[in-house]
Structures are given as structure tokens and as C-alpha cells.
Amino acid sequence: MIGRTSAPYGNTTARRAIAAAVIATAALVLAANAGPARAADAGPGSQTRQAAPAHS
């Protein structure tokens, strides 16, 4: 085509932006599904107890 300035298979900038968005979304989903990090095993006596709520 005469006057065509983009790559032969479409706009590469848009494709890169979409690919980056897909990768970022996948990373966020994987991080959310990983769950909270666990502390190193410190033994059974190291658990803390939650304080009871104050009554007014």
C-alpha cells in the first residue's frame, strides 16, 4: 500500500501496550491468589492472642 507507515501486521505500539496490560493483569491475579506470606516456624508458643474489644 502506498503511504502506509505502520508495520505490516498492525500497530506495534498498541500490540505492545496490550501485551504489557495482559502481563500486568496476570501478575496481579497470581499475586492475589498466592495468599499471605507465612513466617518461619518459630514453635507453638509464639502465637499471639487478639485482645478482646473494649465495652463502653
PDB file of N, CA and C in Angstrom:
ATOM      1  N   MET A   1       0.832  -1.185   0.000  1.00  0.00           N
ATOM      2  CA  MET A   1       0.000   0.000   0.000  1.00  0.00           C
ATOM      3  C   MET A   1       0.876   1.247   0.000  1.00  0.00           C
ATOM      4  N   ILE A   2       0.495   2.196  -0.781  1.00  0.00           N
ATOM      5  CA  ILE A   2       1.248   3.436  -0.845  1.00  0.00           C
ATOM      6  C   ILE A   2       0.838   4.320   0.329  1.00  0.00           C
ATOM      7  N   GLY A   3       1.818   4.867   1.018  1.00  0.00           N
ATOM      8  CA  GLY A   3       1.538   5.765   2.134  1.00  0.00           C
ATOM      9  C   GLY A   3       1.328   5.076   3.465  1.00  0.00           C
ATOM     10  N   ARG A   4       1.464   3.783   3.494  1.00  0.00           N
ATOM     11  CA  ARG A   4       1.279   3.067   4.761  1.00  0.00           C
ATOM     12  C   ARG A   4       2.540   3.225   5.604  1.00  0.00           C
ATOM     13  N   THR A   5       2.372   3.641   6.873  1.00  0.00           N
ATOM     14  CA  THR A   5       3.540   3.887   7.718  1.00  0.00           C
ATOM     15  C   THR A   5       3.660   2.897   8.869  1.00  0.00           C
ATOM     16  N   SER A   6       2.607   2.148   9.149  1.00  0.00           N
ATOM     17  CA  SER A   6       2.685   1.214  10.269  1.00  0.00           C
ATOM     18  C   SER A   6       3.273  -0.111   9.822  1.00  0.00           C
ATOM     19  N   ALA A   7       3.533  -0.976  10.766  1.00  0.00           N
ATOM     20  CA  ALA A   7       4.090  -2.284  10.465  1.00  0.00           C
ATOM     21  C   ALA A   7       3.091  -3.092   9.644  1.00  0.00           C
ATOM     22  N   PRO A   8       3.555  -4.088   8.933  1.00  0.00           N
ATOM     23  CA  PRO A   8       2.649  -4.853   8.074  1.00  0.00           C
ATOM     24  C   PRO A   8       1.547  -5.598   8.822  1.00  0.00           C
ATOM     25  N   TYR A   9       1.739  -5.894  10.082  1.00  0.00           N
ATOM     26  CA  TYR A   9       0.741  -6.656  10.839  1.00  0.00           C
ATOM     27  C   TYR A   9       0.022  -5.816  11.871  1.00  0.00           C
ATOM     28  N   GLY A  10      -0.065  -4.527  11.681  1.00  0.00           N
ATOM     29  CA  GLY A  10      -0.811  -3.675  12.595  1.00  0.00           C
ATOM     30  C   GLY A  10       0.097  -2.751  13.372  1.00  0.00           C
ATOM     31  N   ASN A  11      -0.511  -2.037  14.260  1.00  0.00           N
ATOM     32  CA  ASN A  11       0.199  -1.048  15.064  1.00  0.00           C
ATOM     33  C   ASN A  11       0.965  -1.757  16.177  1.00  0.00           C
ATOM     34  N   THR A  12       2.282  -1.771  16.081  1.00  0.00           N
ATOM     35  CA  THR A  12       3.083  -2.489  17.078  1.00  0.00           C
ATOM     36  C   THR A  12       3.040  -1.833  18.443  1.00  0.00           C
ATOM     37  N   THR A  13       2.868  -0.522  18.501  1.00  0.00           N
ATOM     38  CA  THR A  13       2.795   0.157  19.798  1.00  0.00           C
ATOM     39  C   THR A  13       1.550  -0.294  20.554  1.00  0.00           C
ATOM     40  N   ALA A  14       0.438  -0.389  19.868  1.00  0.00           N
ATOM     41  CA  ALA A  14      -0.798  -0.843  20.517  1.00  0.00           C
ATOM     42  C   ALA A  14      -0.671  -2.295  20.950  1.00  0.00           C
ATOM     43  N   ARG A  15      -0.050  -3.112  20.120  1.00  0.00           N
ATOM     44  CA  ARG A  15       0.127  -4.526  20.481  1.00  0.00           C
ATOM     45  C   ARG A  15       1.017  -4.669  21.714  1.00  0.00           C
ATOM     46  N   ARG A  16       2.068  -3.877  21.782  1.00  0.00           N
ATOM     47  CA  ARG A  16       2.948  -3.936  22.960  1.00  0.00           C
ATOM     48  C   ARG A  16       2.220  -3.462  24.213  1.00  0.00           C
ATOM     49  N   ALA A  17       1.397  -2.425  24.078  1.00  0.00           N
ATOM     50  CA  ALA A  17       0.637  -1.923  25.231  1.00  0.00           C
ATOM     51  C   ALA A  17      -0.356  -2.971  25.718  1.00  0.00           C
ATOM     52  N   ILE A  18      -1.019  -3.637  24.786  1.00  0.00           N
ATOM     53  CA  ILE A  18      -1.974  -4.681  25.172  1.00  0.00           C
ATOM     54  C   ILE A  18      -1.243  -5.850  25.826  1.00  0.00           C
ATOM     55  N   ALA A  19      -0.105  -6.242  25.270  1.00  0.00           N
ATOM     56  CA  ALA A  19       0.669  -7.333  25.860  1.00  0.00           C
ATOM     57  C   ALA A  19       1.137  -6.977  27.268  1.00  0.00           C
ATOM     58  N   ALA A  20       1.572  -5.739  27.472  1.00  0.00           N
ATOM     59  CA  ALA A  20       2.011  -5.310  28.804  1.00  0.00           C
ATOM     60  C   ALA A  20       0.845  -5.317  29.784  1.00  0.00           C
ATOM     61  N   ALA A  21      -0.333  -4.915  29.321  1.00  0.00           N
ATOM     62  CA  ALA A  21      -1.509  -4.914  30.193  1.00  0.00           C
ATOM     63  C   ALA A  21      -1.902  -6.343  30.576  1.00  0.00           C
ATOM     64  N   VAL A  22      -1.830  -7.257  29.630  1.00  0.00           N
ATOM     65  CA  VAL A  22      -2.164  -8.659  29.920  1.00  0.00           C
ATOM     66  C   VAL A  22      -1.174  -9.256  30.912  1.00  0.00           C
ATOM     67  N   ILE A  23       0.095  -8.972  30.726  1.00  0.00           N
ATOM     68  CA  ILE A  23       1.115  -9.490  31.644  1.00  0.00           C
ATOM     69  C   ILE A  23       0.949  -8.903  33.040  1.00  0.00           C
ATOM     70  N   ALA A  24       0.663  -7.609  33.119  1.00  0.00           N
ATOM     71  CA  ALA A  24       0.462  -6.974  34.429  1.00  0.00           C
ATOM     72  C   ALA A  24      -0.762  -7.548  35.125  1.00  0.00           C
ATOM     73  N   THR A  25      -1.832  -7.773  34.379  1.00  0.00           N
ATOM     74  CA  THR A  25      -3.041  -8.350  34.968  1.00  0.00           C
ATOM     75  C   THR A  25      -2.779  -9.766  35.468  1.00  0.00           C
ATOM     76  N   ALA A  26      -2.061 -10.546  34.679  1.00  0.00           N
ATOM     77  CA  ALA A  26      -1.739 -11.908  35.105  1.00  0.00           C
ATOM     78  C   ALA A  26      -0.881 -11.905  36.367  1.00  0.00           C
ATOM     79  N   ALA A  27       0.065 -10.981  36.442  1.00  0.00           N
ATOM     80  CA  ALA A  27       0.909 -10.892  37.639  1.00  0.00           C
ATOM     81  C   ALA A  27       0.091 -10.535  38.868  1.00  0.00           C
ATOM     82  N   LEU A  28      -0.859  -9.606  38.714  1.00  0.00           N
ATOM     83  CA  LEU A  28      -1.703  -9.221  39.849  1.00  0.00           C
ATOM     84  C   LEU A  28      -2.607 -10.370  40.288  1.00  0.00           C
ATOM     85  N   VAL A  29      -3.156 -11.115  39.338  1.00  0.00           N
ATOM     86  CA  VAL A  29      -4.010 -12.252  39.681  1.00  0.00           C
ATOM     87  C   VAL A  29      -3.210 -13.323  40.404  1.00  0.00           C
ATOM     88  N   LEU A  30      -2.020 -13.612  39.906  1.00  0.00           N
ATOM     89  CA  LEU A  30      -1.184 -14.617  40.566  1.00  0.00           C
ATOM     90  C   LEU A  30      -0.776 -14.167  41.965  1.00  0.00           C
ATOM     91  N   ALA A  31      -0.474 -12.890  42.126  1.00  0.00           N
ATOM     92  CA  ALA A  31      -0.089 -12.386  43.450  1.00  0.00           C
ATOM     93  C   ALA A  31      -1.270 -12.441  44.416  1.00  0.00           C
ATOM     94  N   ALA A  32      -2.467 -12.154  43.931  1.00  0.00           N
ATOM     95  CA  ALA A  32      -3.649 -12.193  44.798  1.00  0.00           C
ATOM     96  C   ALA A  32      -3.987 -13.616  45.205  1.00  0.00           C
ATOM     97  N   ASN A  33      -3.749 -14.569  44.324  1.00  0.00           N
ATOM     98  CA  ASN A  33      -4.062 -15.967  44.634  1.00  0.00           C
ATOM     99  C   ASN A  33      -2.983 -16.639  45.460  1.00  0.00           C
ATOM    100  N   ALA A  34      -1.821 -16.018  45.599  1.00  0.00           N
ATOM    101  CA  ALA A  34      -0.723 -16.627  46.341  1.00  0.00           C
ATOM    102  C   ALA A  34      -1.025 -16.683  47.835  1.00  0.00           C
ATOM    103  N   GLY A  35      -1.818 -15.756  48.337  1.00  0.00           N
ATOM    104  CA  GLY A  35      -2.152 -15.741  49.752  1.00  0.00           C
ATOM    105  C   GLY A  35      -1.083 -15.037  50.563  1.00  0.00           C
ATOM    106  N   PRO A  36      -1.342 -14.872  51.842  1.00  0.00           N
ATOM    107  CA  PRO A  36      -0.377 -14.176  52.685  1.00  0.00           C
ATOM    108  C   PRO A  36       0.894 -14.990  52.896  1.00  0.00           C
ATOM    109  N   ALA A  37       1.973 -14.302  53.087  1.00  0.00           N
ATOM    110  CA  ALA A  37       3.245 -14.972  53.351  1.00  0.00           C
ATOM    111  C   ALA A  37       3.214 -15.560  54.762  1.00  0.00           C
ATOM    112  N   ARG A  38       3.861 -16.669  54.923  1.00  0.00           N
ATOM    113  CA  ARG A  38       3.914 -17.311  56.243  1.00  0.00           C
ATOM    114  C   ARG A  38       5.275 -17.054  56.871  1.00  0.00           C
ATOM    115  N   ALA A  39       5.257 -16.844  58.178  1.00  0.00           N
ATOM    116  CA  ALA A  39       6.509 -16.620  58.905  1.00  0.00           C
ATOM    117  C   ALA A  39       7.232 -17.953  59.067  1.00  0.00           C
ATOM    118  N   ALA A  40       8.494 -17.861  59.340  1.00  0.00           N
ATOM    119  CA  ALA A  40       9.274 -19.075  59.596  1.00  0.00           C
ATOM    120  C   ALA A  40       8.735 -19.757  60.843  1.00  0.00           C
ATOM    121  N   ASP A  41       8.857 -21.056  60.902  1.00  0.00           N
ATOM    122  CA  ASP A  41       8.338 -21.817  62.034  1.00  0.00           C
ATOM    123  C   ASP A  41       9.098 -21.428  63.300  1.00  0.00           C
ATOM    124  N   ALA A  42       8.381 -20.780  64.218  1.00  0.00           N
ATOM    125  CA  ALA A  42       9.006 -20.318  65.451  1.00  0.00           C
ATOM    126  C   ALA A  42       8.566 -21.142  66.654  1.00  0.00           C
ATOM    127  N   GLY A  43       7.830 -22.200  66.420  1.00  0.00           N
ATOM    128  CA  GLY A  43       7.410 -23.048  67.532  1.00  0.00           C
ATOM    129  C   GLY A  43       5.983 -22.742  67.954  1.00  0.00           C
ATOM    130  N   PRO A  44       5.388 -23.635  68.743  1.00  0.00           N
ATOM    131  CA  PRO A  44       3.982 -23.472  69.114  1.00  0.00           C
ATOM    132  C   PRO A  44       3.726 -22.346  70.109  1.00  0.00           C
ATOM    133  N   GLY A  45       4.692 -21.907  70.860  1.00  0.00           N
ATOM    134  CA  GLY A  45       4.465 -20.877  71.872  1.00  0.00           C
ATOM    135  C   GLY A  45       4.565 -19.461  71.343  1.00  0.00           C
ATOM    136  N   SER A  46       4.747 -19.293  70.064  1.00  0.00           N
ATOM    137  CA  SER A  46       4.964 -17.946  69.539  1.00  0.00           C
ATOM    138  C   SER A  46       3.703 -17.296  68.993  1.00  0.00           C
ATOM    139  N   GLN A  47       2.566 -17.938  69.147  1.00  0.00           N
ATOM    140  CA  GLN A  47       1.328 -17.352  68.617  1.00  0.00           C
ATOM    141  C   GLN A  47       0.833 -16.260  69.557  1.00  0.00           C
ATOM    142  N   THR A  48       0.322 -15.192  68.959  1.00  0.00           N
ATOM    143  CA  THR A  48      -0.218 -14.092  69.754  1.00  0.00           C
ATOM    144  C   THR A  48      -1.730 -14.210  69.833  1.00  0.00           C
ATOM    145  N   ARG A  49      -2.310 -13.613  70.838  1.00  0.00           N
ATOM    146  CA  ARG A  49      -3.752 -13.653  71.019  1.00  0.00           C
ATOM    147  C   ARG A  49      -4.328 -12.281  70.749  1.00  0.00           C
ATOM    148  N   GLN A  50      -5.512 -12.268  70.165  1.00  0.00           N
ATOM    149  CA  GLN A  50      -6.155 -10.996  69.860  1.00  0.00           C
ATOM    150  C   GLN A  50      -6.831 -10.465  71.113  1.00  0.00           C
ATOM    151  N   ALA A  51      -6.685  -9.171  71.340  1.00  0.00           N
ATOM    152  CA  ALA A  51      -7.281  -8.547  72.509  1.00  0.00           C
ATOM    153  C   ALA A  51      -8.814  -8.498  72.344  1.00  0.00           C
ATOM    154  N   ALA A  52      -9.514  -8.636  73.444  1.00  0.00           N
ATOM    155  CA  ALA A  52     -10.965  -8.542  73.419  1.00  0.00           C
ATOM    156  C   ALA A  52     -11.383  -7.087  73.176  1.00  0.00           C
ATOM    157  N   PRO A  53     -12.469  -6.856  72.474  1.00  0.00           N
ATOM    158  CA  PRO A  53     -12.903  -5.466  72.223  1.00  0.00           C
ATOM    159  C   PRO A  53     -13.356  -4.783  73.522  1.00  0.00           C
ATOM    160  N   ALA A  54     -13.099  -3.507  73.601  1.00  0.00           N
ATOM    161  CA  ALA A  54     -13.470  -2.742  74.790  1.00  0.00           C
ATOM    162  C   ALA A  54     -14.971  -2.466  74.762  1.00  0.00           C
ATOM    163  N   HIS A  55     -15.626  -2.609  75.917  1.00  0.00           N
ATOM    164  CA  HIS A  55     -17.060  -2.336  76.005  1.00  0.00           C
ATOM    165  C   HIS A  55     -17.273  -0.953  76.591  1.00  0.00           C
ATOM    166  N   SER A  56     -18.197  -0.225  75.985  1.00  0.00           N
ATOM    167  CA  SER A  56     -18.439   1.130  76.507  1.00  0.00           C
ATOM    168  C   SER A  56     -19.827   1.278  77.063  1.00  0.00           C
TER     169      SER A  56
END
